[in-house]
């Protein structure tokens, strides 16, 4: 992935004589500024795709009619730099988060269970882990098949810690349980950001990666959405990226359209 910066060189002045019938009647001064593009190769974005066949049975997810639930780990460059060291603390006003991160034996039991779930779902294995790398953001969208499985469109739950981890989510109880933000963060008390994302693929024009801050567990600051957008534009400069607050009417419209499209599709 290339990062392109523009550096301005020293201005140069040029004096051109103005001639009239062979005689110099004046001078024309020009100042020339030149911007030179400096491309820096940041490297490939390595990723791992983990497949849990057991979780596929519980969530009803499948690949080629084989039960399978997929989770993704993607390396992103300059996470801490883009967010300027700021992290999002777990949401102390959110009841579900209080149950996970609260004090006492009950909280410790929940955290132990969530960490065990993280270890199980992200466990590497010859048959369950596929590793590769992205040179371009379009390869990411292609890997996700533009957010479509079995002709239905889906949202993904994500958390950004040392990596970007995410999985498909949905209203189904088990699928929602498997894709909770605390699970992706391995029960971290802080994350750089968290929420959901989906892919908008209009009839004409390029597809867009649409990210939001829909995480009750961490309640990410909407004022950092532009940093989130900048992070993905840095890592995937060929992608169109949109970052929306979870209360944005535009996001609500996207969800409504997706639900209407999915209702028209039968699994059989």
C-alpha atoms as a PDB file:
ATOM      1  CA  UNK A   1       0.000   0.000   0.000  1.00  0.00           C
ATOM      2  CA  UNK A   2       1.365   3.383  -1.029  1.00  0.00           C
ATOM      3  CA  UNK A   3       1.095   6.572   0.985  1.00  0.00           C
ATOM      4  CA  UNK A   4       1.420   9.656  -1.204  1.00  0.00           C
ATOM      5  CA  UNK A   5       2.664  12.988   0.148  1.00  0.00           C
ATOM      6  CA  UNK A   6       3.318  16.192  -1.736  1.00  0.00           C
ATOM      7  CA  UNK A   7       6.408  18.261  -0.994  1.00  0.00           C
ATOM      8  CA  UNK A   8       6.744  21.817  -2.189  1.00  0.00           C
ATOM      9  CA  UNK A   9      10.095  22.828  -3.672  1.00  0.00           C
ATOM     10  CA  UNK A  10      11.602  26.310  -3.461  1.00  0.00           C
ATOM     11  CA  UNK A  11       9.766  28.908  -5.525  1.00  0.00           C
ATOM     12  CA  UNK A  12      11.610  30.163  -8.606  1.00  0.00           C
ATOM     13  CA  UNK A  13      11.231  33.588 -10.193  1.00  0.00           C
ATOM     14  CA  UNK A  14      11.634  34.149 -13.932  1.00  0.00           C
ATOM     15  CA  UNK A  15      11.898  37.576 -15.602  1.00  0.00           C
ATOM     16  CA  UNK A  16      10.663  37.802 -19.193  1.00  0.00           C
ATOM     17  CA  UNK A  17      11.218  40.988 -21.242  1.00  0.00           C
ATOM     18  CA  UNK A  18       8.193  42.569 -22.891  1.00  0.00           C
ATOM     19  CA  UNK A  19       9.172  43.751 -26.388  1.00  0.00           C
ATOM     20  CA  UNK A  20       7.364  46.189 -28.644  1.00  0.00           C
ATOM     21  CA  UNK A  21       8.767  46.691 -32.153  1.00  0.00           C
ATOM     22  CA  UNK A  22      12.071  45.303 -31.028  1.00  0.00           C
ATOM     23  CA  UNK A  23      12.348  47.530 -27.982  1.00  0.00           C
ATOM     24  CA  UNK A  24      11.949  46.407 -24.381  1.00  0.00           C
ATOM     25  CA  UNK A  25       8.964  48.206 -22.927  1.00  0.00           C
ATOM     26  CA  UNK A  26       8.806  46.367 -19.650  1.00  0.00           C
ATOM     27  CA  UNK A  27       9.295  43.086 -17.849  1.00  0.00           C
ATOM     28  CA  UNK A  28       7.020  40.225 -16.851  1.00  0.00           C
ATOM     29  CA  UNK A  29       7.877  38.448 -13.594  1.00  0.00           C
ATOM     30  CA  UNK A  30       6.682  34.877 -13.012  1.00  0.00           C
ATOM     31  CA  UNK A  31       6.917  32.905  -9.769  1.00  0.00           C
ATOM     32  CA  UNK A  32       6.883  29.136 -10.296  1.00  0.00           C
ATOM     33  CA  UNK A  33       5.980  26.693  -7.509  1.00  0.00           C
ATOM     34  CA  UNK A  34       6.466  22.964  -7.991  1.00  0.00           C
ATOM     35  CA  UNK A  35       4.954  20.215  -5.812  1.00  0.00           C
ATOM     36  CA  UNK A  36       6.705  16.862  -6.020  1.00  0.00           C
ATOM     37  CA  UNK A  37       4.789  13.688  -5.151  1.00  0.00           C
ATOM     38  CA  UNK A  38       6.579  11.459  -2.668  1.00  0.00           C
ATOM     39  CA  UNK A  39       5.156   7.935  -2.507  1.00  0.00           C
ATOM     40  CA  UNK A  40       6.035   5.798   0.497  1.00  0.00           C
ATOM     41  CA  UNK A  41       5.487   2.061   0.373  1.00  0.00           C
ATOM     42  CA  UNK A  42       3.948   1.135   3.717  1.00  0.00           C
ATOM     43  CA  UNK A  43       3.752  -2.551   2.877  1.00  0.00           C
ATOM     44  CA  UNK A  44       1.072  -5.167   2.394  1.00  0.00           C
ATOM     45  CA  UNK A  45      -1.825  -5.506   4.824  1.00  0.00           C
ATOM     46  CA  UNK A  46      -1.469  -9.043   6.147  1.00  0.00           C
ATOM     47  CA  UNK A  47      -4.634 -10.824   7.169  1.00  0.00           C
ATOM     48  CA  UNK A  48      -5.890 -14.097   8.599  1.00  0.00           C
ATOM     49  CA  UNK A  49      -9.264 -15.673   7.986  1.00  0.00           C
ATOM     50  CA  UNK A  50     -10.340 -18.038  10.754  1.00  0.00           C
ATOM     51  CA  UNK A  51     -13.180 -20.487  10.199  1.00  0.00           C
ATOM     52  CA  UNK A  52     -15.053 -22.153  13.050  1.00  0.00           C
ATOM     53  CA  UNK A  53     -17.185 -25.061  11.908  1.00  0.00           C
ATOM     54  CA  UNK A  54     -18.732 -25.537  15.348  1.00  0.00           C
ATOM     55  CA  UNK A  55     -19.768 -21.883  15.548  1.00  0.00           C
ATOM     56  CA  UNK A  56     -21.198 -22.237  12.054  1.00  0.00           C
ATOM     57  CA  UNK A  57     -23.669 -24.805  13.349  1.00  0.00           C
ATOM     58  CA  UNK A  58     -24.864 -22.519  16.163  1.00  0.00           C
ATOM     59  CA  UNK A  59     -25.041 -19.363  14.046  1.00  0.00           C
ATOM     60  CA  UNK A  60     -26.565 -20.978  10.963  1.00  0.00           C
ATOM     61  CA  UNK A  61     -23.703 -19.625   8.827  1.00  0.00           C
ATOM     62  CA  UNK A  62     -22.396 -21.768   6.012  1.00  0.00           C
ATOM     63  CA  UNK A  63     -19.984 -21.810   3.092  1.00  0.00           C
ATOM     64  CA  UNK A  64     -20.989 -23.993   0.141  1.00  0.00           C
ATOM     65  CA  UNK A  65     -23.613 -25.644   2.383  1.00  0.00           C
ATOM     66  CA  UNK A  66     -20.978 -26.512   5.020  1.00  0.00           C
ATOM     67  CA  UNK A  67     -21.562 -24.914   8.463  1.00  0.00           C
ATOM     68  CA  UNK A  68     -18.849 -22.298   8.978  1.00  0.00           C
ATOM     69  CA  UNK A  69     -18.503 -19.026  10.879  1.00  0.00           C
ATOM     70  CA  UNK A  70     -15.719 -16.710   9.661  1.00  0.00           C
ATOM     71  CA  UNK A  71     -13.626 -14.223  11.620  1.00  0.00           C
ATOM     72  CA  UNK A  72     -11.005 -11.863  10.207  1.00  0.00           C
ATOM     73  CA  UNK A  73      -7.789 -10.315  11.521  1.00  0.00           C
ATOM     74  CA  UNK A  74      -6.250  -7.538   9.421  1.00  0.00           C
ATOM     75  CA  UNK A  75      -3.028  -5.655  10.145  1.00  0.00           C
ATOM     76  CA  UNK A  76      -3.404  -1.884   9.798  1.00  0.00           C
ATOM     77  CA  UNK A  77      -0.561   0.609   9.638  1.00  0.00           C
ATOM     78  CA  UNK A  78      -0.192   3.640  11.924  1.00  0.00           C
ATOM     79  CA  UNK A  79      -3.204   2.926  14.162  1.00  0.00           C
ATOM     80  CA  UNK A  80      -1.769   4.683  17.198  1.00  0.00           C
ATOM     81  CA  UNK A  81      -0.411   7.550  15.089  1.00  0.00           C
ATOM     82  CA  UNK A  82      -3.745   8.274  13.403  1.00  0.00           C
ATOM     83  CA  UNK A  83      -5.688   8.170  16.675  1.00  0.00           C
ATOM     84  CA  UNK A  84      -2.901  10.187  18.347  1.00  0.00           C
ATOM     85  CA  UNK A  85      -2.681   7.657  21.159  1.00  0.00           C
ATOM     86  CA  UNK A  86      -6.329   8.061  22.141  1.00  0.00           C
ATOM     87  CA  UNK A  87      -8.290   4.947  23.075  1.00  0.00           C
ATOM     88  CA  UNK A  88     -11.951   4.332  23.862  1.00  0.00           C
ATOM     89  CA  UNK A  89     -12.602   3.054  27.400  1.00  0.00           C
ATOM     90  CA  UNK A  90     -15.383   0.566  27.999  1.00  0.00           C
ATOM     91  CA  UNK A  91     -18.726   2.296  28.446  1.00  0.00           C
ATOM     92  CA  UNK A  92     -19.359   2.549  32.199  1.00  0.00           C
ATOM     93  CA  UNK A  93     -22.965   3.597  31.524  1.00  0.00           C
ATOM     94  CA  UNK A  94     -23.808   0.494  29.477  1.00  0.00           C
ATOM     95  CA  UNK A  95     -25.364  -2.316  31.499  1.00  0.00           C
ATOM     96  CA  UNK A  96     -23.988  -5.169  29.366  1.00  0.00           C
ATOM     97  CA  UNK A  97     -20.484  -3.677  29.634  1.00  0.00           C
ATOM     98  CA  UNK A  98     -20.875  -3.382  33.412  1.00  0.00           C
ATOM     99  CA  UNK A  99     -21.599  -7.117  33.542  1.00  0.00           C
ATOM    100  CA  UNK A 100     -18.393  -7.845  31.606  1.00  0.00           C
ATOM    101  CA  UNK A 101     -15.954  -5.374  33.144  1.00  0.00           C
ATOM    102  CA  UNK A 102     -17.510  -4.879  36.558  1.00  0.00           C
ATOM    103  CA  UNK A 103     -15.752  -5.871  39.795  1.00  0.00           C
ATOM    104  CA  UNK A 104     -16.257  -9.019  41.774  1.00  0.00           C
ATOM    105  CA  UNK A 105     -16.496 -12.710  41.041  1.00  0.00           C
ATOM    106  CA  UNK A 106     -19.396 -12.377  38.584  1.00  0.00           C
ATOM    107  CA  UNK A 107     -17.447 -10.026  36.335  1.00  0.00           C
ATOM    108  CA  UNK A 108     -14.354 -12.225  36.467  1.00  0.00           C
ATOM    109  CA  UNK A 109     -16.400 -15.265  35.433  1.00  0.00           C
ATOM    110  CA  UNK A 110     -17.853 -13.384  32.440  1.00  0.00           C
ATOM    111  CA  UNK A 111     -14.419 -12.116  31.366  1.00  0.00           C
ATOM    112  CA  UNK A 112     -12.953 -15.594  31.589  1.00  0.00           C
ATOM    113  CA  UNK A 113     -15.758 -16.942  29.404  1.00  0.00           C
ATOM    114  CA  UNK A 114     -15.378 -14.164  26.799  1.00  0.00           C
ATOM    115  CA  UNK A 115     -11.591 -14.646  26.608  1.00  0.00           C
ATOM    116  CA  UNK A 116     -12.071 -18.375  26.200  1.00  0.00           C
ATOM    117  CA  UNK A 117     -14.501 -17.658  23.364  1.00  0.00           C
ATOM    118  CA  UNK A 118     -11.967 -15.308  21.721  1.00  0.00           C
ATOM    119  CA  UNK A 119      -9.208 -17.929  21.983  1.00  0.00           C
ATOM    120  CA  UNK A 120     -11.467 -20.600  20.537  1.00  0.00           C
ATOM    121  CA  UNK A 121     -12.783 -18.582  17.605  1.00  0.00           C
ATOM    122  CA  UNK A 122      -9.430 -17.012  16.697  1.00  0.00           C
ATOM    123  CA  UNK A 123      -7.481 -20.223  17.252  1.00  0.00           C
ATOM    124  CA  UNK A 124      -5.154 -21.015  14.375  1.00  0.00           C
ATOM    125  CA  UNK A 125      -5.142 -24.371  12.648  1.00  0.00           C
ATOM    126  CA  UNK A 126      -4.228 -25.933   9.326  1.00  0.00           C
ATOM    127  CA  UNK A 127      -7.839 -26.477   8.273  1.00  0.00           C
ATOM    128  CA  UNK A 128      -9.346 -23.426   9.949  1.00  0.00           C
ATOM    129  CA  UNK A 129      -6.887 -20.571   9.226  1.00  0.00           C
ATOM    130  CA  UNK A 130      -6.099 -18.994   5.867  1.00  0.00           C
ATOM    131  CA  UNK A 131      -3.324 -16.371   5.763  1.00  0.00           C
ATOM    132  CA  UNK A 132      -2.576 -13.954   2.954  1.00  0.00           C
ATOM    133  CA  UNK A 133      -2.101 -10.233   2.295  1.00  0.00           C
ATOM    134  CA  UNK A 134      -3.809  -7.324   0.573  1.00  0.00           C
ATOM    135  CA  UNK A 135      -2.050  -5.030  -1.871  1.00  0.00           C
ATOM    136  CA  UNK A 136      -5.247  -3.063  -2.525  1.00  0.00           C
ATOM    137  CA  UNK A 137      -8.477  -2.372  -0.665  1.00  0.00           C
ATOM    138  CA  UNK A 138     -10.529  -3.845  -3.494  1.00  0.00           C
ATOM    139  CA  UNK A 139      -9.059  -7.219  -2.569  1.00  0.00           C
ATOM    140  CA  UNK A 140     -10.582  -6.805   0.894  1.00  0.00           C
ATOM    141  CA  UNK A 141     -14.035  -6.175  -0.575  1.00  0.00           C
ATOM    142  CA  UNK A 142     -13.643  -9.150  -2.897  1.00  0.00           C
ATOM    143  CA  UNK A 143     -12.665 -11.397   0.020  1.00  0.00           C
ATOM    144  CA  UNK A 144     -15.877 -10.328   1.761  1.00  0.00           C
ATOM    145  CA  UNK A 145     -17.803 -10.763  -1.511  1.00  0.00           C
ATOM    146  CA  UNK A 146     -18.971  -7.185  -1.075  1.00  0.00           C
ATOM    147  CA  UNK A 147     -20.779  -8.101   2.141  1.00  0.00           C
ATOM    148  CA  UNK A 148     -23.061 -10.664   0.490  1.00  0.00           C
ATOM    149  CA  UNK A 149     -23.527 -14.318   1.503  1.00  0.00           C
ATOM    150  CA  UNK A 150     -26.252 -16.572   0.156  1.00  0.00           C
ATOM    151  CA  UNK A 151     -27.549 -13.536  -1.744  1.00  0.00           C
ATOM    152  CA  UNK A 152     -28.164 -11.660   1.516  1.00  0.00           C
ATOM    153  CA  UNK A 153     -26.310  -8.553   2.653  1.00  0.00           C
ATOM    154  CA  UNK A 154     -24.766  -8.395   6.114  1.00  0.00           C
ATOM    155  CA  UNK A 155     -23.255  -6.036   8.647  1.00  0.00           C
ATOM    156  CA  UNK A 156     -19.978  -6.837  10.398  1.00  0.00           C
ATOM    157  CA  UNK A 157     -19.016  -6.140  14.014  1.00  0.00           C
ATOM    158  CA  UNK A 158     -15.456  -4.914  14.514  1.00  0.00           C
ATOM    159  CA  UNK A 159     -12.948  -3.789  17.141  1.00  0.00           C
ATOM    160  CA  UNK A 160      -9.587  -2.139  16.479  1.00  0.00           C
ATOM    161  CA  UNK A 161      -6.866  -2.958  19.005  1.00  0.00           C
ATOM    162  CA  UNK A 162      -3.420  -3.999  17.758  1.00  0.00           C
ATOM    163  CA  UNK A 163      -5.292  -5.265  14.672  1.00  0.00           C
ATOM    164  CA  UNK A 164      -8.672  -4.866  13.011  1.00  0.00           C
ATOM    165  CA  UNK A 165     -10.789  -7.871  14.021  1.00  0.00           C
ATOM    166  CA  UNK A 166     -14.314  -8.465  12.778  1.00  0.00           C
ATOM    167  CA  UNK A 167     -16.999 -10.955  11.854  1.00  0.00           C
ATOM    168  CA  UNK A 168     -20.447 -11.048  10.361  1.00  0.00           C
ATOM    169  CA  UNK A 169     -23.228 -10.103  12.763  1.00  0.00           C
ATOM    170  CA  UNK A 170     -27.003 -10.335  12.798  1.00  0.00           C
ATOM    171  CA  UNK A 171     -30.175 -10.454  14.854  1.00  0.00           C
ATOM    172  CA  UNK A 172     -29.811 -14.193  15.421  1.00  0.00           C
ATOM    173  CA  UNK A 173     -28.932 -14.767  19.115  1.00  0.00           C
ATOM    174  CA  UNK A 174     -25.923 -17.009  18.598  1.00  0.00           C
ATOM    175  CA  UNK A 175     -24.507 -14.943  15.751  1.00  0.00           C
ATOM    176  CA  UNK A 176     -24.841 -11.744  17.789  1.00  0.00           C
ATOM    177  CA  UNK A 177     -23.219 -13.461  20.766  1.00  0.00           C
ATOM    178  CA  UNK A 178     -20.288 -14.671  18.657  1.00  0.00           C
ATOM    179  CA  UNK A 179     -19.707 -11.210  17.168  1.00  0.00           C
ATOM    180  CA  UNK A 180     -19.767  -9.024  20.272  1.00  0.00           C
ATOM    181  CA  UNK A 181     -17.164  -6.263  20.490  1.00  0.00           C
ATOM    182  CA  UNK A 182     -15.716  -7.539  23.773  1.00  0.00           C
ATOM    183  CA  UNK A 183     -15.062 -10.905  22.154  1.00  0.00           C
ATOM    184  CA  UNK A 184     -13.147  -9.312  19.250  1.00  0.00           C
ATOM    185  CA  UNK A 185     -11.076  -7.197  21.662  1.00  0.00           C
ATOM    186  CA  UNK A 186     -10.348 -10.229  23.878  1.00  0.00           C
ATOM    187  CA  UNK A 187     -12.101  -8.407  26.697  1.00  0.00           C
ATOM    188  CA  UNK A 188      -9.802  -5.407  26.479  1.00  0.00           C
ATOM    189  CA  UNK A 189     -10.856  -2.508  28.694  1.00  0.00           C
ATOM    190  CA  UNK A 190      -9.791  -0.098  25.933  1.00  0.00           C
ATOM    191  CA  UNK A 191      -9.837  -0.180  22.142  1.00  0.00           C
ATOM    192  CA  UNK A 192      -8.841   2.363  19.531  1.00  0.00           C
ATOM    193  CA  UNK A 193     -12.316   2.113  18.030  1.00  0.00           C
ATOM    194  CA  UNK A 194     -15.267  -0.251  17.632  1.00  0.00           C
ATOM    195  CA  UNK A 195     -18.576  -0.458  15.836  1.00  0.00           C
ATOM    196  CA  UNK A 196     -20.060  -2.036  12.748  1.00  0.00           C
ATOM    197  CA  UNK A 197     -19.429  -1.755   9.050  1.00  0.00           C
ATOM    198  CA  UNK A 198     -21.009  -2.823   5.800  1.00  0.00           C
ATOM    199  CA  UNK A 199     -20.376  -2.394   2.102  1.00  0.00           C
ATOM    200  CA  UNK A 200     -22.473  -0.212  -0.151  1.00  0.00           C
ATOM    201  CA  UNK A 201     -22.355  -1.387  -3.766  1.00  0.00           C
ATOM    202  CA  UNK A 202     -24.434   0.951  -5.962  1.00  0.00           C
ATOM    203  CA  UNK A 203     -25.615  -0.095  -9.456  1.00  0.00           C
ATOM    204  CA  UNK A 204     -23.037   2.282 -10.914  1.00  0.00           C
ATOM    205  CA  UNK A 205     -19.811   3.590  -9.462  1.00  0.00           C
ATOM    206  CA  UNK A 206     -17.363   2.085  -6.964  1.00  0.00           C
ATOM    207  CA  UNK A 207     -18.314   0.202  -3.818  1.00  0.00           C
ATOM    208  CA  UNK A 208     -17.931   2.017  -0.475  1.00  0.00           C
ATOM    209  CA  UNK A 209     -16.762   0.768   2.889  1.00  0.00           C
ATOM    210  CA  UNK A 210     -19.184   2.279   5.433  1.00  0.00           C
ATOM    211  CA  UNK A 211     -17.976   2.268   9.042  1.00  0.00           C
ATOM    212  CA  UNK A 212     -19.859   3.427  12.143  1.00  0.00           C
ATOM    213  CA  UNK A 213     -19.445   3.644  15.928  1.00  0.00           C
ATOM    214  CA  UNK A 214     -22.347   1.360  16.860  1.00  0.00           C
ATOM    215  CA  UNK A 215     -20.836  -0.252  19.950  1.00  0.00           C
ATOM    216  CA  UNK A 216     -22.634  -0.041  23.252  1.00  0.00           C
ATOM    217  CA  UNK A 217     -19.731  -1.849  24.932  1.00  0.00           C
ATOM    218  CA  UNK A 218     -17.231   0.931  24.177  1.00  0.00           C
ATOM    219  CA  UNK A 219     -19.452   3.857  23.128  1.00  0.00           C
ATOM    220  CA  UNK A 220     -16.800   5.336  20.769  1.00  0.00           C
ATOM    221  CA  UNK A 221     -16.607   9.112  20.547  1.00  0.00           C
ATOM    222  CA  UNK A 222     -18.302  10.307  17.349  1.00  0.00           C
ATOM    223  CA  UNK A 223     -15.756  13.120  17.177  1.00  0.00           C
ATOM    224  CA  UNK A 224     -13.141  10.497  16.300  1.00  0.00           C
ATOM    225  CA  UNK A 225     -15.025   9.215  13.256  1.00  0.00           C
ATOM    226  CA  UNK A 226     -12.855  11.341  10.963  1.00  0.00           C
ATOM    227  CA  UNK A 227      -9.754   9.710  12.433  1.00  0.00           C
ATOM    228  CA  UNK A 228     -11.340   6.327  11.776  1.00  0.00           C
ATOM    229  CA  UNK A 229     -11.975   7.339   8.169  1.00  0.00           C
ATOM    230  CA  UNK A 230      -8.419   8.644   7.839  1.00  0.00           C
ATOM    231  CA  UNK A 231      -7.023   5.334   9.123  1.00  0.00           C
ATOM    232  CA  UNK A 232      -8.789   3.334   6.426  1.00  0.00           C
ATOM    233  CA  UNK A 233      -7.992   5.851   3.699  1.00  0.00           C
ATOM    234  CA  UNK A 234      -4.341   5.579   4.702  1.00  0.00           C
ATOM    235  CA  UNK A 235      -4.330   1.779   4.601  1.00  0.00           C
ATOM    236  CA  UNK A 236      -6.625   1.373   1.588  1.00  0.00           C
ATOM    237  CA  UNK A 237      -6.237   4.527  -0.553  1.00  0.00           C
ATOM    238  CA  UNK A 238      -8.057   2.942  -3.491  1.00  0.00           C
ATOM    239  CA  UNK A 239     -11.273   2.552  -1.446  1.00  0.00           C
ATOM    240  CA  UNK A 240     -14.085   5.010  -0.950  1.00  0.00           C
ATOM    241  CA  UNK A 241     -14.643   5.208   2.810  1.00  0.00           C
ATOM    242  CA  UNK A 242     -17.594   6.649   4.715  1.00  0.00           C
ATOM    243  CA  UNK A 243     -17.706   7.000   8.525  1.00  0.00           C
ATOM    244  CA  UNK A 244     -21.085   7.656  10.156  1.00  0.00           C
ATOM    245  CA  UNK A 245     -22.390   8.113  13.676  1.00  0.00           C
ATOM    246  CA  UNK A 246     -24.790   5.325  14.711  1.00  0.00           C
ATOM    247  CA  UNK A 247     -27.560   7.927  15.053  1.00  0.00           C
ATOM    248  CA  UNK A 248     -27.027   9.340  11.567  1.00  0.00           C
ATOM    249  CA  UNK A 249     -30.280   9.147   9.512  1.00  0.00           C
ATOM    250  CA  UNK A 250     -28.190   8.106   6.500  1.00  0.00           C
ATOM    251  CA  UNK A 251     -27.049   4.965   8.319  1.00  0.00           C
ATOM    252  CA  UNK A 252     -30.637   4.219   9.319  1.00  0.00           C
ATOM    253  CA  UNK A 253     -31.618   4.472   5.648  1.00  0.00           C
ATOM    254  CA  UNK A 254     -28.826   2.082   4.657  1.00  0.00           C
ATOM    255  CA  UNK A 255     -30.076  -0.463   7.217  1.00  0.00           C
ATOM    256  CA  UNK A 256     -33.677  -0.088   6.077  1.00  0.00           C
ATOM    257  CA  UNK A 257     -32.713  -0.678   2.450  1.00  0.00           C
ATOM    258  CA  UNK A 258     -30.667  -3.745   3.407  1.00  0.00           C
ATOM    259  CA  UNK A 259     -33.533  -5.233   5.432  1.00  0.00           C
ATOM    260  CA  UNK A 260     -35.961  -4.665   2.547  1.00  0.00           C
ATOM    261  CA  UNK A 261     -33.611  -6.327   0.080  1.00  0.00           C
ATOM    262  CA  UNK A 262     -33.009  -9.311   2.369  1.00  0.00           C
ATOM    263  CA  UNK A 263     -36.736  -9.857   2.959  1.00  0.00           C
ATOM    264  CA  UNK A 264     -37.177 -10.460  -0.757  1.00  0.00           C
ATOM    265  CA  UNK A 265     -34.651 -13.299  -0.749  1.00  0.00           C
ATOM    266  CA  UNK A 266     -35.365 -16.865   0.263  1.00  0.00           C
ATOM    267  CA  UNK A 267     -32.679 -19.269   1.419  1.00  0.00           C
ATOM    268  CA  UNK A 268     -34.298 -21.986  -0.673  1.00  0.00           C
END
